[in-house]
Amino acid sequence: MAAGSTVNQARGESPCPPAESVRAELNAICQSAVFQSAPRLQKLLRYLVEQNLEGNPLKESIVGVAVFGRDPGYDPKKDGVVRTEARRLRAKLIEYYAAGNGREAVVIDLPKGSYVPAFRFAEDKESSVTAAIPAPRQAWRRWVALLAAGIAATALLSLTIRQRWLVAAPKIPTRAGDSVRLRSVAVLDFRNLTARPESAWLAGAIPEMISADLANGQKVRTIPGENVSRMETELALQPASGLSRETLAAVRRNLGADIVVSGAYADLGAGSGGRIRLDIWASDARTGELIAPLSESGTEPEVLDLLARAGERLRGGLHLEAAGEASGSALAPRDPAAARAYVSGLAGLRRGDFLQARDQLRRSTQLDPSFAPAHAALSSAEARLGYDGVARDEARRAYELSSTLTNDEQRRAVEAQFRDANHEPARAIDAFVRLFRDSPDNIEYGLRLARVQADGGRPQEAVRTVEALRRLPAPESADPRIDFEAAYAYAAQSDCRTGAQFADRAARAAQDAHADLLYARALSFESGLLWYLGDARWREL
């Protein structure tokens, strides 16, 4: 008899399906569309299932060595890759079955707190769902454990990409006169006119530097780079020299941007002395009018100075105050090689290429160990790759170096990231609240705070934060992510029915805004909640 069957029967559960049926379902899972883009999770699932069927022990340290290549004797307490990937695997399995898959009439599950998979016949599924209804809090906590790794981490990324990601507070001033709404700016990817591979890194680096420079003055709200990249993917936008009124309107609907910055650059090669020409266009997303066109040129070794000059002129075109001489030191390391590695790493984070981002950011911290933002960005990259212990160490290093930063908001952002990475939810939330009080109309801050409050055991405060976000002026108040965070917050306080309703609202609003990735996330979240409630409508989503 298979080991899994023995375990199930010892617990008084129904008999386990035969090993050949389990393996057939395992193959179907790994070949499904849900798992095709997750080879790391496929490898983990295959190992856990096969080892269980063979009756071999499954411990965190064993899995770390066998699946993730850790050295024998490594400390799982410092390196949480197995725990992180197991959470992601649970989330993927829920997503797989919520989509109506399961061709072999067998269900493979990974119970929380264990690395031993459970196998059961599919007809047991409905009864297990019904049994979960009397304990909604336990059902919620299990479901959150399944989905949190895949959903919550995206918001964390914006801290180290922009140094402005940290989030809102539960009380927002009324718009009657307490504060003036800041204009929001989206900086798109730049077009490489000469397509020279040696300068391709500038396509992502230029938007990062321009956004950081604009954000430093705190007179505009820069939209996080990962949000811009998501929008570019959803709208199939390509870097362009100019944007039509229709495209600008679509960007505004998707991101709530007032101003859209786009542009192009040309690496003119050795014949020109290695000069780079940079063209920037800032357009009013509401009217489609071009409001700040400019051009600058310089050599690649002087690219930081080139971007500083372009940023100063862009500020002038947008009628913003000068950022100040000290602000430039906060944008990138002054060592050219370290700066290039840093901005390349930020561009990798923006694209979701975490391996490339980690390698570049490691190089930046090696070349300039004293630059705090590089350590903070590296912490995010390591966390996304599952190296929680390393991520915590890098966040701590950034916090220790934060006294060198000239911008007070940057210092508090780095501290908040460290508190979050160090599993100090109360202190992290307090840091987020203080940050928001200085930027009370920043929707990114509010969305992040709601999530951290829900994850930190304060779901009622998260609901109040969401309600405050609804009082923002348009178009921010209509952002579908507000309903998504409402769904998460209500589910966190065991009101899964209300959570499902808000997830449905978020999905509908995201669909109207052509926010396809958010639409998919909201549907997945709604279907999972309905599944645990025993509501058959989950099959229709």
Protein backbone atom coordinates (compact mmCIF):
# COMPACT_ATOMS: atom_id res chain seq x y z
CA MET A 1 0.00 0.00 0.00
CA ALA A 2 1.23 3.50 -0.79
CA ALA A 3 2.51 5.62 2.06
CA GLY A 4 -0.09 8.30 1.40
CA SER A 5 -2.89 5.76 1.80
CA THR A 6 -1.47 4.58 5.09
CA VAL A 7 -1.30 8.13 6.41
CA ASN A 8 -4.86 8.89 5.40
CA GLN A 9 -6.27 5.72 6.94
CA ALA A 10 -4.33 6.24 10.16
CA ARG A 11 -6.11 9.58 10.48
CA GLY A 12 -9.46 7.96 10.00
CA GLU A 13 -9.88 9.48 6.54
CA SER A 14 -11.26 7.84 3.41
CA PRO A 15 -8.89 5.50 1.53
CA CYS A 16 -6.27 7.11 -0.66
CA PRO A 17 -6.52 6.69 -4.43
CA PRO A 18 -4.11 4.18 -6.00
CA ALA A 19 -0.64 5.40 -6.85
CA GLU A 20 -1.19 5.21 -10.61
CA SER A 21 -4.20 7.55 -10.33
CA VAL A 22 -2.21 9.98 -8.18
CA ARG A 23 0.63 10.01 -10.71
CA ALA A 24 -1.81 10.55 -13.56
CA GLU A 25 -3.28 13.55 -11.73
CA LEU A 26 0.25 14.79 -10.96
CA ASN A 27 1.10 14.75 -14.66
CA ALA A 28 -2.15 16.53 -15.52
CA ILE A 29 -1.39 19.25 -12.97
CA CYS A 30 2.16 19.83 -14.20
CA GLN A 31 1.02 19.98 -17.83
CA SER A 32 -1.84 22.39 -17.12
CA ALA A 33 -1.85 26.05 -18.11
CA VAL A 34 -1.84 27.01 -14.43
CA PHE A 35 1.53 25.31 -13.81
CA GLN A 36 3.21 25.76 -17.20
CA SER A 37 4.83 29.03 -16.16
CA ALA A 38 5.97 27.64 -12.78
CA PRO A 39 8.68 24.99 -13.40
CA ARG A 40 10.05 25.48 -9.89
CA LEU A 41 6.67 24.55 -8.38
CA GLN A 42 6.32 21.60 -10.77
CA LYS A 43 9.65 20.25 -9.53
CA LEU A 44 8.62 20.69 -5.90
CA LEU A 45 5.22 19.05 -6.39
CA ARG A 46 6.69 16.06 -8.25
CA TYR A 47 9.28 15.51 -5.54
CA LEU A 48 6.79 15.72 -2.67
CA VAL A 49 4.28 13.40 -4.34
CA GLU A 50 6.82 10.78 -5.40
CA GLN A 51 8.58 10.75 -2.03
CA ASN A 52 5.23 10.37 -0.24
CA LEU A 53 4.16 7.51 -2.51
CA GLU A 54 7.49 5.81 -1.81
CA GLY A 55 7.05 6.23 1.94
CA ASN A 56 10.14 8.42 2.37
CA PRO A 57 10.33 11.13 5.08
CA LEU A 58 9.63 14.72 4.08
CA LYS A 59 11.30 17.39 6.16
CA GLU A 60 12.10 20.99 5.32
CA SER A 61 15.86 20.45 5.35
CA ILE A 62 15.59 17.38 3.11
CA VAL A 63 13.41 19.19 0.59
CA GLY A 64 15.75 22.20 0.57
CA VAL A 65 18.72 20.04 -0.39
CA ALA A 66 16.92 17.78 -2.87
CA VAL A 67 14.77 20.33 -4.71
CA PHE A 68 16.42 23.73 -4.27
CA GLY A 69 20.09 22.76 -4.24
CA ARG A 70 20.90 23.92 -0.74
CA ASP A 71 24.04 22.56 0.88
CA PRO A 72 23.57 19.69 3.36
CA GLY A 73 23.36 21.07 6.88
CA TYR A 74 21.97 24.46 5.82
CA ASP A 75 19.80 26.26 8.39
CA PRO A 76 16.12 26.39 7.31
CA LYS A 77 15.48 29.06 9.95
CA LYS A 78 17.70 31.48 8.05
CA ASP A 79 16.76 30.32 4.57
CA GLY A 80 13.00 29.91 4.19
CA VAL A 81 12.94 28.90 0.53
CA VAL A 82 11.03 25.67 1.22
CA ARG A 83 8.34 27.40 3.29
CA THR A 84 7.95 30.16 0.73
CA GLU A 85 7.68 27.79 -2.23
CA ALA A 86 5.32 25.50 -0.33
CA ARG A 87 2.97 28.46 0.21
CA ARG A 88 3.14 29.27 -3.49
CA LEU A 89 2.45 25.63 -4.34
CA ARG A 90 -0.65 25.56 -2.13
CA ALA A 91 -1.89 28.69 -3.88
CA LYS A 92 -1.30 27.17 -7.31
CA LEU A 93 -3.15 23.97 -6.38
CA ILE A 94 -6.16 25.99 -5.23
CA GLU A 95 -6.04 27.97 -8.48
CA TYR A 96 -5.81 24.73 -10.48
CA TYR A 97 -8.87 23.10 -8.92
CA ALA A 98 -10.85 26.36 -8.76
CA ALA A 99 -10.52 26.55 -12.55
CA GLY A 100 -12.42 23.27 -12.87
CA ASN A 101 -9.40 21.04 -13.53
CA GLY A 102 -8.82 17.58 -12.13
CA ARG A 103 -9.29 15.11 -14.96
CA GLU A 104 -8.35 11.96 -13.04
CA ALA A 105 -11.08 12.28 -10.37
CA VAL A 106 -8.27 12.67 -7.82
CA VAL A 107 -7.38 15.69 -5.70
CA ILE A 108 -3.81 16.40 -4.58
CA ASP A 109 -3.56 18.79 -1.64
CA LEU A 110 -0.73 20.18 0.48
CA PRO A 111 -2.08 20.71 4.01
CA LYS A 112 -0.90 23.79 5.82
CA GLY A 113 2.01 23.21 8.17
CA SER A 114 3.14 20.05 6.38
CA TYR A 115 5.23 19.08 3.40
CA VAL A 116 3.43 15.72 3.07
CA PRO A 117 0.82 15.92 0.29
CA ALA A 118 -2.64 14.44 0.81
CA PHE A 119 -4.52 12.48 -1.85
CA ARG A 120 -8.26 11.90 -2.04
CA PHE A 121 -10.95 11.05 -4.54
CA ALA A 122 -12.61 14.04 -6.17
CA GLU A 123 -16.03 13.16 -4.79
CA ASP A 124 -14.66 13.90 -1.32
CA LYS A 125 -14.20 17.52 -2.34
CA GLU A 126 -17.75 18.71 -1.81
CA SER A 127 -17.96 17.14 1.61
CA SER A 128 -14.66 18.71 2.63
CA VAL A 129 -15.93 22.10 1.49
CA THR A 130 -19.12 21.73 3.48
CA ALA A 131 -17.18 20.65 6.55
CA ALA A 132 -15.15 23.83 6.37
CA ILE A 133 -18.17 26.12 6.65
CA PRO A 134 -18.66 25.91 10.47
CA ALA A 135 -15.09 27.16 10.98
CA PRO A 136 -14.80 30.17 8.70
CA ARG A 137 -11.77 31.62 10.47
CA GLN A 138 -9.79 28.43 10.02
CA ALA A 139 -10.94 28.21 6.41
CA TRP A 140 -9.89 31.79 5.78
CA ARG A 141 -6.48 31.39 7.35
CA ARG A 142 -5.76 28.35 5.27
CA TRP A 143 -6.88 30.08 2.11
CA VAL A 144 -4.78 33.14 2.83
CA ALA A 145 -1.77 30.92 3.34
CA LEU A 146 -2.39 29.48 -0.09
CA LEU A 147 -2.67 32.77 -1.94
CA ALA A 148 -0.67 35.29 0.06
CA ALA A 149 2.70 34.57 -1.51
CA GLY A 150 1.41 35.09 -5.02
CA ILE A 151 -0.67 38.20 -4.34
CA ALA A 152 0.85 40.20 -1.50
CA ALA A 153 4.44 40.24 -2.70
CA THR A 154 3.71 42.39 -5.74
CA ALA A 155 2.85 45.39 -3.59
CA LEU A 156 6.07 45.02 -1.57
CA LEU A 157 8.14 45.49 -4.72
CA SER A 158 7.27 49.13 -5.20
CA LEU A 159 9.17 50.24 -2.06
CA THR A 160 12.58 49.42 -3.43
CA ILE A 161 11.77 50.38 -7.00
CA ARG A 162 10.59 53.89 -6.20
CA GLN A 163 11.44 54.52 -2.52
CA ARG A 164 7.84 55.79 -2.35
CA TRP A 165 5.84 52.61 -2.11
CA LEU A 166 5.02 52.65 1.59
CA VAL A 167 1.43 52.94 2.25
CA ALA A 168 -1.56 54.76 3.53
CA ALA A 169 -3.00 55.46 6.93
CA PRO A 170 -6.54 54.86 8.17
CA LYS A 171 -7.47 58.54 8.25
CA ILE A 172 -7.47 60.67 5.12
CA PRO A 173 -8.19 64.41 5.15
CA THR A 174 -11.39 65.48 3.45
CA ARG A 175 -11.02 67.08 0.08
CA ALA A 176 -12.89 70.19 1.18
CA GLY A 177 -9.64 72.01 1.84
CA ASP A 178 -7.42 69.93 4.08
CA SER A 179 -5.06 69.08 1.22
CA VAL A 180 -4.69 69.53 -2.50
CA ARG A 181 -4.65 66.45 -4.68
CA LEU A 182 -1.22 65.74 -6.09
CA ARG A 183 -0.90 65.17 -9.81
CA SER A 184 0.06 61.59 -10.67
CA VAL A 185 2.78 60.85 -13.23
CA ALA A 186 3.38 57.63 -15.15
CA VAL A 187 6.80 57.21 -16.78
CA LEU A 188 6.71 54.68 -19.61
CA ASP A 189 9.55 52.62 -21.05
CA PHE A 190 11.80 54.55 -23.43
CA ARG A 191 12.42 53.57 -27.04
CA ASN A 192 15.94 52.57 -28.11
CA LEU A 193 16.23 54.24 -31.52
CA THR A 194 19.56 52.70 -32.52
CA ALA A 195 18.89 49.27 -30.96
CA ARG A 196 22.54 48.95 -29.90
CA PRO A 197 22.65 46.00 -27.42
CA GLU A 198 25.31 47.64 -25.23
CA SER A 199 22.91 50.47 -24.40
CA ALA A 200 19.73 48.39 -24.08
CA TRP A 201 19.90 48.69 -20.29
CA LEU A 202 18.98 52.37 -20.56
CA ALA A 203 15.45 51.54 -21.79
CA GLY A 204 14.43 50.54 -18.28
CA ALA A 205 16.98 52.58 -16.37
CA ILE A 206 15.89 55.96 -17.74
CA PRO A 207 12.26 55.66 -16.50
CA GLU A 208 13.47 54.54 -13.07
CA MET A 209 15.77 57.54 -12.67
CA ILE A 210 13.25 60.05 -14.00
CA SER A 211 10.52 58.69 -11.70
CA ALA A 212 12.79 58.77 -8.67
CA ASP A 213 13.82 62.34 -9.46
CA LEU A 214 10.22 63.52 -9.88
CA ALA A 215 9.11 61.74 -6.71
CA ASN A 216 11.90 63.31 -4.69
CA GLY A 217 10.23 66.72 -4.70
CA GLN A 218 6.97 65.31 -3.28
CA LYS A 219 4.86 67.65 -5.42
CA VAL A 220 3.71 64.88 -7.73
CA ARG A 221 2.84 61.23 -7.16
CA THR A 222 4.82 58.87 -9.35
CA ILE A 223 3.02 55.65 -10.22
CA PRO A 224 5.10 52.59 -9.24
CA GLY A 225 7.07 51.03 -12.04
CA GLU A 226 5.54 47.57 -11.72
CA ASN A 227 2.09 49.12 -12.16
CA VAL A 228 3.29 50.85 -15.32
CA SER A 229 4.80 47.62 -16.64
CA ARG A 230 1.55 45.77 -15.92
CA MET A 231 -0.39 48.41 -17.82
CA GLU A 232 2.02 48.29 -20.78
CA THR A 233 1.53 44.52 -20.93
CA GLU A 234 -2.26 44.68 -20.65
CA LEU A 235 -2.62 47.41 -23.29
CA ALA A 236 0.12 45.91 -25.49
CA LEU A 237 1.91 49.28 -25.54
CA GLN A 238 5.28 49.55 -27.25
CA PRO A 239 7.81 52.31 -26.51
CA ALA A 240 6.88 55.18 -28.82
CA SER A 241 8.10 58.64 -29.69
CA GLY A 242 4.66 60.10 -29.14
CA LEU A 243 1.31 58.93 -27.81
CA SER A 244 -2.09 59.52 -29.37
CA ARG A 245 -5.00 61.00 -27.43
CA GLU A 246 -6.66 57.59 -27.43
CA THR A 247 -3.58 55.92 -25.95
CA LEU A 248 -3.21 58.61 -23.31
CA ALA A 249 -6.88 58.18 -22.37
CA ALA A 250 -6.37 54.42 -22.03
CA VAL A 251 -3.33 54.96 -19.80
CA ARG A 252 -5.35 57.34 -17.64
CA ARG A 253 -8.21 54.85 -17.28
CA ASN A 254 -5.84 52.06 -16.34
CA LEU A 255 -3.47 53.92 -14.00
CA GLY A 256 -5.29 57.13 -13.05
CA ALA A 257 -2.35 59.12 -14.44
CA ASP A 258 -2.67 62.88 -15.01
CA ILE A 259 0.68 63.20 -16.80
CA VAL A 260 2.35 60.58 -19.00
CA VAL A 261 6.09 60.81 -19.67
CA SER A 262 7.45 58.93 -22.67
CA GLY A 263 10.55 59.26 -24.80
CA ALA A 264 13.40 57.78 -26.78
CA TYR A 265 17.18 57.67 -26.73
CA ALA A 266 19.89 57.05 -29.29
CA ASP A 267 23.36 55.67 -28.63
CA LEU A 268 25.29 57.37 -31.43
CA GLY A 269 28.30 55.06 -31.11
CA ALA A 270 32.07 55.51 -31.02
CA GLY A 271 32.08 57.76 -34.07
CA SER A 272 30.31 60.46 -32.06
CA GLY A 273 32.56 60.08 -29.04
CA GLY A 274 30.11 57.74 -27.34
CA ARG A 275 27.37 60.33 -27.10
CA ILE A 276 23.78 59.56 -26.12
CA ARG A 277 20.83 61.71 -27.17
CA LEU A 278 17.75 61.68 -24.95
CA ASP A 279 14.30 62.98 -25.99
CA ILE A 280 11.48 63.30 -23.44
CA TRP A 281 7.79 64.12 -23.95
CA ALA A 282 5.42 64.88 -21.06
CA SER A 283 1.75 64.86 -22.08
CA ASP A 284 -1.48 65.78 -20.33
CA ALA A 285 -3.40 62.49 -20.17
CA ARG A 286 -6.73 64.31 -19.87
CA THR A 287 -6.42 66.58 -22.91
CA GLY A 288 -3.76 64.80 -24.95
CA GLU A 289 -1.67 67.98 -25.17
CA LEU A 290 2.12 67.91 -25.21
CA ILE A 291 3.25 70.09 -22.29
CA ALA A 292 7.01 69.53 -21.82
CA PRO A 293 9.12 68.32 -24.77
CA LEU A 294 12.90 68.42 -24.24
CA SER A 295 16.19 66.96 -25.48
CA GLU A 296 19.55 66.42 -23.81
CA SER A 297 22.80 64.75 -24.85
CA GLY A 298 25.96 63.50 -23.17
CA THR A 299 28.31 60.52 -23.02
CA GLU A 300 27.45 57.20 -21.41
CA PRO A 301 29.92 57.64 -18.50
CA GLU A 302 28.09 60.88 -17.77
CA VAL A 303 24.64 59.32 -18.00
CA LEU A 304 23.74 60.20 -14.39
CA ASP A 305 24.54 63.85 -15.01
CA LEU A 306 22.63 63.67 -18.28
CA LEU A 307 19.56 62.35 -16.50
CA ALA A 308 19.93 64.94 -13.74
CA ARG A 309 19.91 67.74 -16.33
CA ALA A 310 16.91 66.20 -18.09
CA GLY A 311 15.08 65.85 -14.78
CA GLU A 312 15.72 69.48 -13.89
CA ARG A 313 14.36 70.65 -17.24
CA LEU A 314 11.37 68.31 -16.98
CA ARG A 315 10.56 69.76 -13.58
CA GLY A 316 10.65 73.20 -15.11
CA GLY A 317 8.32 72.15 -17.91
CA LEU A 318 5.88 70.74 -15.36
CA HIS A 319 6.18 73.86 -13.17
CA LEU A 320 7.64 71.94 -10.22
CA GLU A 321 10.21 73.25 -7.80
CA ALA A 322 13.85 72.25 -8.13
CA ALA A 323 14.70 68.99 -6.42
CA GLY A 324 17.81 70.44 -4.77
CA GLU A 325 21.44 69.47 -5.03
CA ALA A 326 21.28 66.86 -2.28
CA SER A 327 18.54 64.92 -3.99
CA GLY A 328 20.80 63.58 -6.71
CA SER A 329 22.81 61.51 -4.25
CA ALA A 330 19.71 59.59 -3.33
CA LEU A 331 18.97 58.42 -6.87
CA ALA A 332 21.91 56.09 -7.54
CA PRO A 333 25.47 55.36 -6.35
CA ARG A 334 28.00 57.86 -7.61
CA ASP A 335 30.31 55.07 -8.78
CA PRO A 336 29.35 54.65 -12.49
CA ALA A 337 29.59 50.85 -12.49
CA ALA A 338 27.60 50.56 -9.27
CA ALA A 339 25.00 52.99 -10.61
CA ARG A 340 24.60 51.03 -13.83
CA ALA A 341 24.16 47.77 -11.92
CA TYR A 342 21.70 49.44 -9.54
CA VAL A 343 19.40 50.91 -12.17
CA SER A 344 19.62 47.70 -14.21
CA GLY A 345 18.52 45.81 -11.12
CA LEU A 346 15.60 48.17 -10.61
CA ALA A 347 14.56 47.63 -14.22
CA GLY A 348 14.67 43.87 -13.61
CA LEU A 349 12.40 44.24 -10.60
CA ARG A 350 10.00 46.31 -12.68
CA ARG A 351 9.83 43.57 -15.36
CA GLY A 352 9.53 40.76 -12.82
CA ASP A 353 12.93 39.31 -13.79
CA PHE A 354 14.02 38.69 -10.21
CA LEU A 355 17.07 36.57 -10.97
CA GLN A 356 18.53 39.27 -13.20
CA ALA A 357 17.58 41.93 -10.67
CA ARG A 358 19.25 40.04 -7.82
CA ASP A 359 22.49 39.55 -9.75
CA GLN A 360 22.70 43.22 -10.73
CA LEU A 361 21.81 44.49 -7.26
CA ARG A 362 24.34 42.19 -5.63
CA ARG A 363 26.98 43.64 -7.93
CA SER A 364 25.89 47.16 -7.02
CA THR A 365 26.15 46.48 -3.29
CA GLN A 366 29.58 44.92 -3.77
CA LEU A 367 30.85 47.92 -5.72
CA ASP A 368 29.29 50.44 -3.31
CA PRO A 369 28.40 48.75 0.02
CA SER A 370 27.27 52.04 1.61
CA PHE A 371 24.31 52.81 -0.71
CA ALA A 372 21.20 51.96 1.33
CA PRO A 373 18.59 51.87 -1.51
CA ALA A 374 20.54 49.13 -3.32
CA HIS A 375 20.38 46.92 -0.22
CA ALA A 376 16.66 47.64 0.11
CA ALA A 377 16.06 46.71 -3.54
CA LEU A 378 18.17 43.56 -3.16
CA SER A 379 16.06 42.61 -0.14
CA SER A 380 12.93 42.68 -2.31
CA ALA A 381 14.55 40.59 -5.04
CA GLU A 382 15.74 37.97 -2.55
CA ALA A 383 12.30 37.84 -0.93
CA ARG A 384 10.61 37.23 -4.27
CA LEU A 385 13.02 34.37 -4.95
CA GLY A 386 12.21 32.75 -1.59
CA TYR A 387 15.36 33.64 0.33
CA ASP A 388 13.64 35.15 3.34
CA GLY A 389 16.69 35.07 5.60
CA VAL A 390 18.89 36.83 3.07
CA ALA A 391 16.12 39.32 2.37
CA ARG A 392 15.87 40.12 6.06
CA ASP A 393 19.63 40.61 6.32
CA GLU A 394 19.67 43.00 3.35
CA ALA A 395 16.71 44.95 4.74
CA ARG A 396 18.57 45.26 8.05
CA ARG A 397 21.69 46.48 6.26
CA ALA A 398 19.65 49.09 4.39
CA TYR A 399 18.13 50.22 7.68
CA GLU A 400 21.57 50.52 9.30
CA LEU A 401 22.74 52.68 6.38
CA SER A 402 19.56 54.77 6.12
CA SER A 403 21.02 57.58 8.22
CA THR A 404 23.10 58.51 5.16
CA LEU A 405 19.98 59.28 3.12
CA THR A 406 19.10 62.94 2.75
CA ASN A 407 15.39 62.37 2.19
CA ASP A 408 13.35 61.77 5.34
CA GLU A 409 10.68 59.79 3.52
CA GLN A 410 13.31 57.47 2.08
CA ARG A 411 14.68 56.81 5.55
CA ARG A 412 11.26 55.92 6.91
CA ALA A 413 10.51 53.79 3.85
CA VAL A 414 13.66 51.77 4.41
CA GLU A 415 12.78 51.35 8.09
CA ALA A 416 9.27 50.18 7.23
CA GLN A 417 10.64 47.60 4.82
CA PHE A 418 12.98 46.30 7.51
CA ARG A 419 10.17 46.05 10.08
CA ASP A 420 8.06 44.14 7.57
CA ALA A 421 10.90 41.79 6.54
CA ASN A 422 11.82 41.27 10.20
CA HIS A 423 8.25 40.17 11.00
CA GLU A 424 7.40 43.15 13.18
CA PRO A 425 3.87 43.90 11.89
CA ALA A 426 2.93 46.42 14.59
CA ARG A 427 6.03 48.55 14.07
CA ALA A 428 5.78 48.19 10.30
CA ILE A 429 2.16 49.37 10.30
CA ASP A 430 3.09 52.32 12.50
CA ALA A 431 5.82 53.27 10.04
CA PHE A 432 3.36 53.03 7.15
CA VAL A 433 0.86 55.23 8.97
CA ARG A 434 3.48 57.92 9.60
CA LEU A 435 4.47 57.84 5.95
CA PHE A 436 0.90 58.26 4.79
CA ARG A 437 0.27 61.22 7.02
CA ASP A 438 2.82 63.10 4.94
CA SER A 439 1.18 61.97 1.67
CA PRO A 440 -2.52 61.57 2.52
CA ASP A 441 -3.79 61.29 -1.05
CA ASN A 442 -1.37 58.62 -2.26
CA ILE A 443 -3.44 55.59 -3.25
CA GLU A 444 -0.39 53.32 -3.40
CA TYR A 445 0.25 54.01 0.26
CA GLY A 446 -3.35 53.21 1.19
CA LEU A 447 -3.49 49.95 -0.74
CA ARG A 448 -0.31 48.74 0.89
CA LEU A 449 -1.41 49.67 4.38
CA ALA A 450 -4.70 47.82 4.01
CA ARG A 451 -2.83 44.66 3.03
CA VAL A 452 -0.31 44.89 5.87
CA GLN A 453 -3.07 45.53 8.40
CA ALA A 454 -4.99 42.49 7.18
CA ASP A 455 -1.89 40.29 7.27
CA GLY A 456 -0.89 41.71 10.65
CA GLY A 457 -4.09 40.65 12.40
CA ARG A 458 -5.88 44.00 12.14
CA PRO A 459 -8.52 43.31 9.46
CA GLN A 460 -11.02 45.81 10.89
CA GLU A 461 -8.44 48.57 10.56
CA ALA A 462 -7.81 47.38 7.02
CA VAL A 463 -11.52 47.79 6.24
CA ARG A 464 -11.42 51.35 7.60
CA THR A 465 -8.37 52.10 5.45
CA VAL A 466 -10.23 50.84 2.39
CA GLU A 467 -13.20 53.04 3.27
CA ALA A 468 -10.85 56.01 3.52
CA LEU A 469 -9.45 55.27 0.09
CA ARG A 470 -12.95 55.53 -1.35
CA ARG A 471 -12.98 59.17 -0.26
CA LEU A 472 -10.09 60.01 -2.56
CA PRO A 473 -11.00 62.20 -5.55
CA ALA A 474 -11.56 60.64 -8.97
CA PRO A 475 -10.03 58.81 -10.71
CA GLU A 476 -8.21 57.22 -7.73
CA SER A 477 -11.47 56.54 -5.83
CA ALA A 478 -12.62 54.30 -8.71
CA ASP A 479 -9.43 52.22 -8.79
CA PRO A 480 -10.49 48.52 -8.85
CA ARG A 481 -7.63 47.64 -6.52
CA ILE A 482 -9.58 49.27 -3.70
CA ASP A 483 -12.32 46.65 -4.04
CA PHE A 484 -9.67 43.94 -4.25
CA GLU A 485 -8.13 45.03 -0.94
CA ALA A 486 -11.63 45.23 0.54
CA ALA A 487 -12.15 41.60 -0.45
CA TYR A 488 -8.90 40.63 1.23
CA ALA A 489 -9.70 42.61 4.39
CA TYR A 490 -13.21 41.18 4.83
CA ALA A 491 -11.97 37.65 4.22
CA ALA A 492 -9.26 38.25 6.84
CA GLN A 493 -11.97 38.83 9.45
CA SER A 494 -13.78 35.64 8.37
CA ASP A 495 -16.50 37.39 6.37
CA CYS A 496 -15.78 35.37 3.25
CA ARG A 497 -19.19 36.07 1.73
CA THR A 498 -18.64 39.83 1.73
CA GLY A 499 -15.07 39.26 0.58
CA ALA A 500 -16.34 37.33 -2.44
CA GLN A 501 -18.75 40.15 -3.28
CA PHE A 502 -15.97 42.73 -3.26
CA ALA A 503 -13.73 40.43 -5.31
CA ASP A 504 -16.52 40.23 -7.89
CA ARG A 505 -16.76 44.03 -7.95
CA ALA A 506 -13.00 44.30 -8.38
CA ALA A 507 -13.06 41.82 -11.26
CA ARG A 508 -15.82 43.71 -13.07
CA ALA A 509 -14.10 47.08 -12.63
CA ALA A 510 -10.75 45.63 -13.73
CA GLN A 511 -12.36 44.18 -16.83
CA ASP A 512 -13.84 47.58 -17.72
CA ALA A 513 -10.39 49.18 -17.28
CA HIS A 514 -8.71 46.45 -19.38
CA ALA A 515 -6.60 45.58 -16.32
CA ASP A 516 -6.36 41.93 -17.31
CA LEU A 517 -3.90 40.77 -14.64
CA LEU A 518 -5.92 42.31 -11.83
CA TYR A 519 -9.06 40.82 -13.40
CA ALA A 520 -7.50 37.35 -13.24
CA ARG A 521 -6.34 37.83 -9.64
CA ALA A 522 -9.76 39.01 -8.53
CA LEU A 523 -11.51 36.06 -10.19
CA SER A 524 -9.06 33.66 -8.61
CA PHE A 525 -9.59 35.18 -5.19
CA GLU A 526 -13.39 35.13 -5.56
CA SER A 527 -13.44 31.52 -6.73
CA GLY A 528 -11.28 30.43 -3.79
CA LEU A 529 -13.58 32.10 -1.27
CA LEU A 530 -16.68 30.58 -2.87
CA TRP A 531 -14.95 27.20 -2.91
CA TYR A 532 -14.39 27.30 0.84
CA LEU A 533 -17.93 28.52 1.43
CA GLY A 534 -19.30 25.52 -0.46
CA ASP A 535 -20.87 27.83 -3.04
CA ALA A 536 -21.09 26.00 -6.37
CA ARG A 537 -20.71 29.27 -8.28
CA TRP A 538 -16.96 28.88 -7.98
CA ARG A 539 -17.17 26.42 -10.89
CA GLU A 540 -18.50 29.15 -13.18
CA LEU A 541 -15.58 31.57 -12.67
